[in-house]
Amino acid sequence: MAGLDLRALDAPVIVAPMAGGPTTPELAAAGTNAGGLGFLAAGYLTADVLAERITAARALTSGPLGVNLFVVRSSAALPDAIHRYAKALESESARYDTHLGEPRYDDDHWSAKLDVVMDLKPEVVSFTFGLPDAEECTRLRSAGITTVGTITTLAEAELAVAVGVDAVAAQGPAAGGHRGTLDPAAPPPTQPLSQLLRATTVGLDVPVIAAGGLMTAVDVADVLASGAVAASLGTAFLLADEAGSSPVHRAALQDPQFTETVVTRSFSGRYARGLRNRFIDAHDAEAPFGYPEIHYMTSPLRAAAVRAGDPHGTNVWAGTGYRQAKAAPVAEIFSALI
């Protein structure tokens, strides 16, 4: 295997990449320093900012680091549906005294970010929403980088292996944030992580990382006993001292008024799990497919809601086990997981 052997971590726990704020260089480095593997989230960043964050994390740890890239190859957006949704969100613009963003398409600076990781060589690069092609996998491997494809079904895992990834991250339905489903218009799979893990570990000849809803030492032990080489946790670190979660996000995770998470495409045009709030209740049924167009369109609304301290106007991504998240340093959270 190229690069890092994921089976050789001192602590088989990965601090999952969480784009949009929660992931910081400090969080990633702390995960590595605790004996696991910390990931930086490249999503929504420019290539230059990604390079700065990799460099900053390198200064905080001598251990391995991972970087997660969004692979946006196509969009399921339909112009008429986007226009109708924009009309439906006019009341939100008025509520937060802001405007909608331009619903544009881009590939999240894929080529430029690929150049950054080829240059700075994090030990691991993972992919979400899509897969690199075989040539790109070969380039990364030749640079000594281990590649990981995020998948939500065995069929997706087989596609990932076919393009040459070194490992897969099997994401179950309890995961917080965006589902890693490869088809942007497909309903997110509901197969439990335990079943997906069994199918992938038996059916594939590559290491499998387990992800989605893992919060406790028992959760970690269970997936390791089922054949995973490591457990990837995101929600468990949202309240970590080193995380960049906003004050609104942190407060909502601990607010008893929020009682459940739901999967919605109302914020980004792609399915993601977060705390059920007023915005989701008002707009989920009418929200069309269309990532990243809807993401860009709602971005000013969400930012304005955060500035206003209102968790009901923004996405509060979280997995189903969010109530078990602890406000503590990463090292302390790791100690409770191992």
Protein backbone atom coordinates (compact mmCIF):
# COMPACT_ATOMS: atom_id res chain seq x y z
CA MET A 1 0.00 0.00 0.00
CA ALA A 2 1.23 3.49 -0.76
CA GLY A 3 1.80 5.95 2.04
CA LEU A 4 0.34 5.30 5.48
CA ASP A 5 -0.83 1.83 6.45
CA LEU A 6 -4.19 2.56 8.05
CA ARG A 7 -3.90 -0.67 10.03
CA ALA A 8 -0.84 0.67 11.87
CA LEU A 9 -2.37 3.59 13.81
CA ASP A 10 -1.51 3.57 17.52
CA ALA A 11 -5.15 4.43 18.21
CA PRO A 12 -7.53 3.21 15.47
CA VAL A 13 -9.59 6.40 15.57
CA ILE A 14 -9.86 9.00 12.82
CA VAL A 15 -11.03 12.57 13.41
CA ALA A 16 -13.32 12.88 10.41
CA PRO A 17 -13.11 15.90 8.12
CA MET A 18 -15.94 18.39 8.73
CA ALA A 19 -16.06 21.14 6.12
CA GLY A 20 -17.54 24.54 6.75
CA GLY A 21 -15.85 25.42 10.03
CA PRO A 22 -15.55 22.59 12.58
CA THR A 23 -12.31 21.21 11.15
CA THR A 24 -9.24 23.26 12.04
CA PRO A 25 -5.50 22.55 11.80
CA GLU A 26 -5.55 22.34 15.60
CA LEU A 27 -8.28 19.67 15.56
CA ALA A 28 -6.55 17.57 12.92
CA ALA A 29 -3.16 17.79 14.62
CA ALA A 30 -4.64 16.95 18.01
CA GLY A 31 -6.22 13.80 16.59
CA THR A 32 -2.88 12.69 15.21
CA ASN A 33 -1.04 13.62 18.41
CA ALA A 34 -3.50 11.46 20.36
CA GLY A 35 -2.34 8.44 18.36
CA GLY A 36 -5.03 8.47 15.68
CA LEU A 37 -5.29 10.25 12.35
CA GLY A 38 -6.55 13.80 12.02
CA PHE A 39 -8.13 15.00 8.78
CA LEU A 40 -8.30 18.43 7.24
CA ALA A 41 -11.45 19.26 5.26
CA ALA A 42 -10.72 20.87 1.89
CA GLY A 43 -14.37 21.42 0.95
CA TYR A 44 -15.35 25.07 0.25
CA LEU A 45 -11.75 26.28 0.62
CA THR A 46 -9.56 27.76 -2.07
CA ALA A 47 -6.44 25.81 -2.93
CA ASP A 48 -4.28 28.48 -1.31
CA VAL A 49 -6.18 28.30 1.97
CA LEU A 50 -5.97 24.51 1.92
CA ALA A 51 -2.20 24.75 1.52
CA GLU A 52 -2.04 27.16 4.46
CA ARG A 53 -4.06 24.78 6.65
CA ILE A 54 -1.93 21.76 5.78
CA THR A 55 1.18 23.77 6.59
CA ALA A 56 -0.35 24.97 9.87
CA ALA A 57 -1.28 21.43 10.90
CA ARG A 58 2.21 20.18 9.98
CA ALA A 59 3.64 22.70 12.42
CA LEU A 60 1.54 21.19 15.22
CA THR A 61 2.31 17.50 14.74
CA SER A 62 5.09 15.26 13.49
CA GLY A 63 2.61 12.47 12.76
CA PRO A 64 0.49 11.66 9.71
CA LEU A 65 -2.29 13.86 8.39
CA GLY A 66 -5.24 13.29 6.10
CA VAL A 67 -6.95 15.67 3.68
CA ASN A 68 -10.49 15.19 2.36
CA LEU A 69 -11.36 16.46 -1.12
CA PHE A 70 -14.82 16.96 -2.58
CA VAL A 71 -15.17 15.33 -5.99
CA VAL A 72 -17.94 17.22 -7.79
CA ARG A 73 -18.24 15.83 -11.30
CA SER A 74 -21.81 16.84 -12.11
CA SER A 75 -24.94 18.43 -10.70
CA ALA A 76 -28.55 17.29 -10.59
CA ALA A 77 -29.81 20.88 -10.67
CA LEU A 78 -32.70 21.91 -12.91
CA PRO A 79 -32.91 25.68 -13.59
CA ASP A 80 -36.70 25.88 -13.14
CA ALA A 81 -36.53 24.06 -9.82
CA ILE A 82 -33.74 26.34 -8.61
CA HIS A 83 -35.80 29.39 -9.59
CA ARG A 84 -38.88 28.13 -7.73
CA TYR A 85 -36.83 27.46 -4.63
CA ALA A 86 -35.34 30.94 -4.78
CA LYS A 87 -38.87 32.38 -4.77
CA ALA A 88 -39.78 30.20 -1.81
CA LEU A 89 -36.77 31.51 0.13
CA GLU A 90 -37.63 35.18 -0.29
CA SER A 91 -39.24 35.16 3.16
CA GLU A 92 -35.96 33.96 4.63
CA SER A 93 -34.09 36.81 2.95
CA ALA A 94 -36.50 39.24 4.54
CA ARG A 95 -36.27 37.55 7.94
CA TYR A 96 -32.48 37.86 8.07
CA ASP A 97 -32.22 41.11 6.07
CA THR A 98 -29.92 39.61 3.49
CA HIS A 99 -29.99 38.29 -0.06
CA LEU A 100 -29.73 34.95 -1.73
CA GLY A 101 -26.43 33.93 -3.25
CA GLU A 102 -25.85 33.18 -6.92
CA PRO A 103 -26.72 29.51 -7.57
CA ARG A 104 -23.56 28.69 -9.51
CA TYR A 105 -21.84 25.43 -10.36
CA ASP A 106 -18.16 24.68 -9.82
CA ASP A 107 -16.01 21.65 -9.07
CA ASP A 108 -14.66 22.96 -5.74
CA HIS A 109 -11.27 23.80 -7.33
CA TRP A 110 -10.55 20.11 -7.88
CA SER A 111 -7.46 20.40 -10.09
CA ALA A 112 -5.83 23.11 -7.98
CA LYS A 113 -6.41 21.15 -4.77
CA LEU A 114 -5.07 17.99 -6.34
CA ASP A 115 -1.92 19.96 -7.14
CA VAL A 116 -1.71 21.11 -3.50
CA VAL A 117 -1.84 17.59 -2.10
CA MET A 118 0.64 16.36 -4.69
CA ASP A 119 2.99 19.13 -3.58
CA LEU A 120 2.52 18.98 0.21
CA LYS A 121 1.95 15.22 0.39
CA PRO A 122 -0.36 14.54 3.32
CA GLU A 123 -0.09 10.87 4.16
CA VAL A 124 -3.75 10.19 3.29
CA VAL A 125 -6.20 11.80 0.86
CA SER A 126 -9.87 10.82 0.95
CA PHE A 127 -12.70 11.67 -1.43
CA THR A 128 -16.34 12.56 -0.83
CA PHE A 129 -19.25 12.88 -3.31
CA GLY A 130 -17.28 11.17 -6.06
CA LEU A 131 -14.11 9.34 -6.98
CA PRO A 132 -10.86 10.28 -8.68
CA ASP A 133 -10.12 8.58 -11.95
CA ALA A 134 -7.57 5.79 -12.23
CA GLU A 135 -4.84 8.11 -13.48
CA GLU A 136 -5.34 10.47 -10.54
CA CYS A 137 -5.18 7.55 -8.10
CA THR A 138 -1.93 6.42 -9.71
CA ARG A 139 -0.45 9.93 -9.42
CA LEU A 140 -1.31 10.10 -5.74
CA ARG A 141 0.07 6.66 -5.04
CA SER A 142 3.29 7.53 -6.86
CA ALA A 143 3.61 10.48 -4.48
CA GLY A 144 3.40 8.13 -1.49
CA ILE A 145 -0.16 9.12 -0.60
CA THR A 146 -2.75 6.60 0.60
CA THR A 147 -6.16 7.12 -1.05
CA VAL A 148 -9.55 6.49 0.54
CA GLY A 149 -12.93 6.56 -1.21
CA THR A 150 -16.04 7.41 0.82
CA ILE A 151 -18.87 5.02 -0.02
CA THR A 152 -22.39 4.25 1.21
CA THR A 153 -23.08 0.93 -0.55
CA LEU A 154 -21.13 -2.15 -1.60
CA ALA A 155 -21.67 -1.22 -5.26
CA GLU A 156 -20.04 2.17 -4.64
CA ALA A 157 -17.19 0.45 -2.81
CA GLU A 158 -16.58 -1.78 -5.82
CA LEU A 159 -16.43 1.29 -8.06
CA ALA A 160 -13.90 2.87 -5.70
CA VAL A 161 -11.70 -0.20 -5.73
CA ALA A 162 -11.95 -0.36 -9.52
CA VAL A 163 -10.39 3.11 -9.91
CA GLY A 164 -7.56 2.12 -7.59
CA VAL A 165 -8.18 3.52 -4.12
CA ASP A 166 -6.16 1.95 -1.32
CA ALA A 167 -9.05 1.82 1.18
CA VAL A 168 -12.70 2.74 1.57
CA ALA A 169 -14.58 4.61 4.27
CA ALA A 170 -17.96 2.92 4.71
CA GLN A 171 -20.40 5.62 5.80
CA GLY A 172 -23.58 4.51 7.53
CA PRO A 173 -26.89 6.41 7.64
CA ALA A 174 -26.43 7.82 11.16
CA ALA A 175 -23.58 10.08 9.99
CA GLY A 176 -23.79 13.81 10.50
CA GLY A 177 -23.32 16.22 7.63
CA HIS A 178 -23.43 15.26 3.98
CA ARG A 179 -23.98 11.70 2.90
CA GLY A 180 -21.19 10.44 0.68
CA THR A 181 -23.54 8.89 -1.89
CA LEU A 182 -21.88 9.03 -5.31
CA ASP A 183 -25.06 9.76 -7.30
CA PRO A 184 -26.08 13.35 -6.36
CA ALA A 185 -29.78 12.59 -7.00
CA ALA A 186 -29.97 9.17 -5.36
CA PRO A 187 -31.89 8.73 -2.11
CA PRO A 188 -29.38 8.12 0.68
CA PRO A 189 -29.06 4.43 1.56
CA THR A 190 -30.57 3.31 4.86
CA GLN A 191 -28.60 0.08 5.23
CA PRO A 192 -27.24 0.04 8.81
CA LEU A 193 -23.51 0.58 9.19
CA SER A 194 -23.12 -2.89 10.68
CA GLN A 195 -24.50 -4.48 7.50
CA LEU A 196 -22.52 -2.21 5.18
CA LEU A 197 -19.37 -2.96 7.14
CA ARG A 198 -19.98 -6.69 6.91
CA ALA A 199 -20.60 -6.51 3.16
CA THR A 200 -17.51 -4.42 2.44
CA THR A 201 -15.07 -6.25 4.70
CA VAL A 202 -16.13 -9.60 3.25
CA GLY A 203 -16.53 -8.46 -0.33
CA LEU A 204 -13.41 -6.32 -0.78
CA ASP A 205 -9.70 -6.91 -0.51
CA VAL A 206 -8.85 -3.43 0.82
CA PRO A 207 -8.92 -1.96 4.35
CA VAL A 208 -12.30 -0.59 5.43
CA ILE A 209 -12.82 2.40 7.72
CA ALA A 210 -16.17 2.55 9.56
CA ALA A 211 -17.98 5.89 9.76
CA GLY A 212 -21.38 7.20 10.75
CA GLY A 213 -22.93 7.56 14.19
CA LEU A 214 -19.93 6.34 16.17
CA MET A 215 -19.69 8.15 19.52
CA THR A 216 -18.40 5.85 22.26
CA ALA A 217 -15.72 3.32 23.12
CA VAL A 218 -18.31 0.57 22.64
CA ASP A 219 -19.09 1.88 19.14
CA VAL A 220 -15.40 1.89 18.26
CA ALA A 221 -14.84 -1.60 19.66
CA ASP A 222 -17.86 -2.95 17.79
CA VAL A 223 -16.71 -1.78 14.35
CA LEU A 224 -13.15 -2.97 14.97
CA ALA A 225 -14.49 -6.37 15.99
CA SER A 226 -16.50 -6.40 12.75
CA GLY A 227 -13.40 -5.99 10.62
CA ALA A 228 -12.86 -2.24 10.29
CA VAL A 229 -9.24 -1.10 10.50
CA ALA A 230 -10.29 2.19 12.12
CA ALA A 231 -13.33 4.13 13.28
CA SER A 232 -13.96 7.60 11.84
CA LEU A 233 -15.78 10.01 14.16
CA GLY A 234 -16.93 13.54 13.42
CA THR A 235 -19.87 14.48 15.63
CA ALA A 236 -17.97 13.22 18.68
CA PHE A 237 -15.46 16.04 18.12
CA LEU A 238 -17.86 18.92 17.30
CA LEU A 239 -17.59 20.26 20.86
CA ALA A 240 -13.86 19.63 21.20
CA ASP A 241 -11.80 22.56 22.41
CA GLU A 242 -9.79 22.47 19.17
CA ALA A 243 -12.82 22.39 16.85
CA GLY A 244 -13.92 25.46 14.92
CA SER A 245 -17.65 24.84 15.45
CA SER A 246 -19.47 28.16 15.71
CA PRO A 247 -20.99 29.29 19.01
CA VAL A 248 -24.44 28.77 17.43
CA HIS A 249 -23.55 25.20 16.46
CA ARG A 250 -22.10 24.41 19.88
CA ALA A 251 -25.08 25.84 21.73
CA ALA A 252 -27.63 24.05 19.55
CA LEU A 253 -26.00 20.67 20.12
CA GLN A 254 -26.58 21.13 23.85
CA ASP A 255 -30.00 22.83 23.64
CA PRO A 256 -32.91 20.61 24.81
CA GLN A 257 -35.29 22.30 22.33
CA PHE A 258 -33.65 20.20 19.60
CA THR A 259 -34.73 16.60 19.93
CA GLU A 260 -33.83 14.86 16.66
CA THR A 261 -31.74 14.88 13.53
CA VAL A 262 -33.10 14.53 10.02
CA VAL A 263 -31.68 14.10 6.53
CA THR A 264 -32.42 17.13 4.37
CA ARG A 265 -31.36 18.74 1.12
CA SER A 266 -32.88 22.12 2.00
CA PHE A 267 -29.55 23.81 2.71
CA SER A 268 -27.26 22.48 0.01
CA GLY A 269 -29.28 20.61 -2.60
CA ARG A 270 -27.64 17.39 -1.45
CA TYR A 271 -28.69 15.07 1.36
CA ALA A 272 -27.14 15.80 4.75
CA ARG A 273 -28.03 15.07 8.37
CA GLY A 274 -28.48 17.82 10.94
CA LEU A 275 -30.64 19.01 13.81
CA ARG A 276 -34.26 19.41 12.77
CA ASN A 277 -35.08 23.12 12.92
CA ARG A 278 -37.54 25.70 11.58
CA PHE A 279 -35.80 26.08 8.21
CA ILE A 280 -35.93 22.36 7.51
CA ASP A 281 -39.57 22.12 8.56
CA ALA A 282 -40.47 25.05 6.31
CA HIS A 283 -38.48 24.18 3.20
CA ASP A 284 -37.42 20.54 3.07
CA ALA A 285 -40.44 19.39 1.06
CA GLU A 286 -39.86 22.00 -1.66
CA ALA A 287 -36.06 21.88 -1.77
CA PRO A 288 -34.76 20.62 -5.13
CA PHE A 289 -31.61 18.70 -5.93
CA GLY A 290 -28.73 20.88 -6.98
CA TYR A 291 -25.34 20.77 -5.30
CA PRO A 292 -23.42 23.06 -5.22
CA GLU A 293 -25.97 25.53 -6.64
CA ILE A 294 -28.30 25.41 -3.62
CA HIS A 295 -25.31 25.55 -1.27
CA TYR A 296 -24.20 28.83 -2.81
CA MET A 297 -27.76 30.17 -2.93
CA THR A 298 -28.47 29.60 0.78
CA SER A 299 -24.99 30.50 2.01
CA PRO A 300 -25.77 34.19 2.76
CA LEU A 301 -28.95 33.18 4.60
CA ARG A 302 -27.09 30.70 6.77
CA ALA A 303 -24.30 33.16 7.51
CA ALA A 304 -26.84 35.82 8.49
CA ALA A 305 -28.64 33.39 10.79
CA VAL A 306 -25.35 32.55 12.51
CA ARG A 307 -24.58 36.26 12.95
CA ALA A 308 -28.04 36.65 14.48
CA GLY A 309 -27.40 33.73 16.83
CA ASP A 310 -30.35 31.83 15.36
CA PRO A 311 -29.87 28.06 15.02
CA HIS A 312 -33.23 27.80 13.23
CA GLY A 313 -31.99 29.52 10.07
CA THR A 314 -28.82 27.56 9.40
CA ASN A 315 -27.59 24.01 9.04
CA VAL A 316 -26.52 22.43 12.33
CA TRP A 317 -24.92 19.27 11.00
CA ALA A 318 -24.81 16.43 13.48
CA GLY A 319 -25.04 12.66 13.59
CA THR A 320 -27.77 10.81 15.45
CA GLY A 321 -25.63 10.42 18.58
CA TYR A 322 -24.96 14.14 19.02
CA ARG A 323 -26.22 14.16 22.62
CA GLN A 324 -23.14 12.15 23.57
CA ALA A 325 -20.68 14.76 22.27
CA LYS A 326 -18.46 16.14 25.03
CA ALA A 327 -16.93 19.58 25.41
CA ALA A 328 -13.32 18.65 26.16
CA PRO A 329 -9.82 18.60 24.64
CA VAL A 330 -9.30 16.07 21.85
CA ALA A 331 -6.84 14.10 23.99
CA GLU A 332 -9.51 13.59 26.65
CA ILE A 333 -12.11 12.55 24.08
CA PHE A 334 -9.63 10.03 22.65
CA SER A 335 -8.93 8.60 26.09
CA ALA A 336 -12.64 7.87 26.52
CA LEU A 337 -12.82 6.20 23.10
CA ILE A 338 -9.90 3.80 23.38
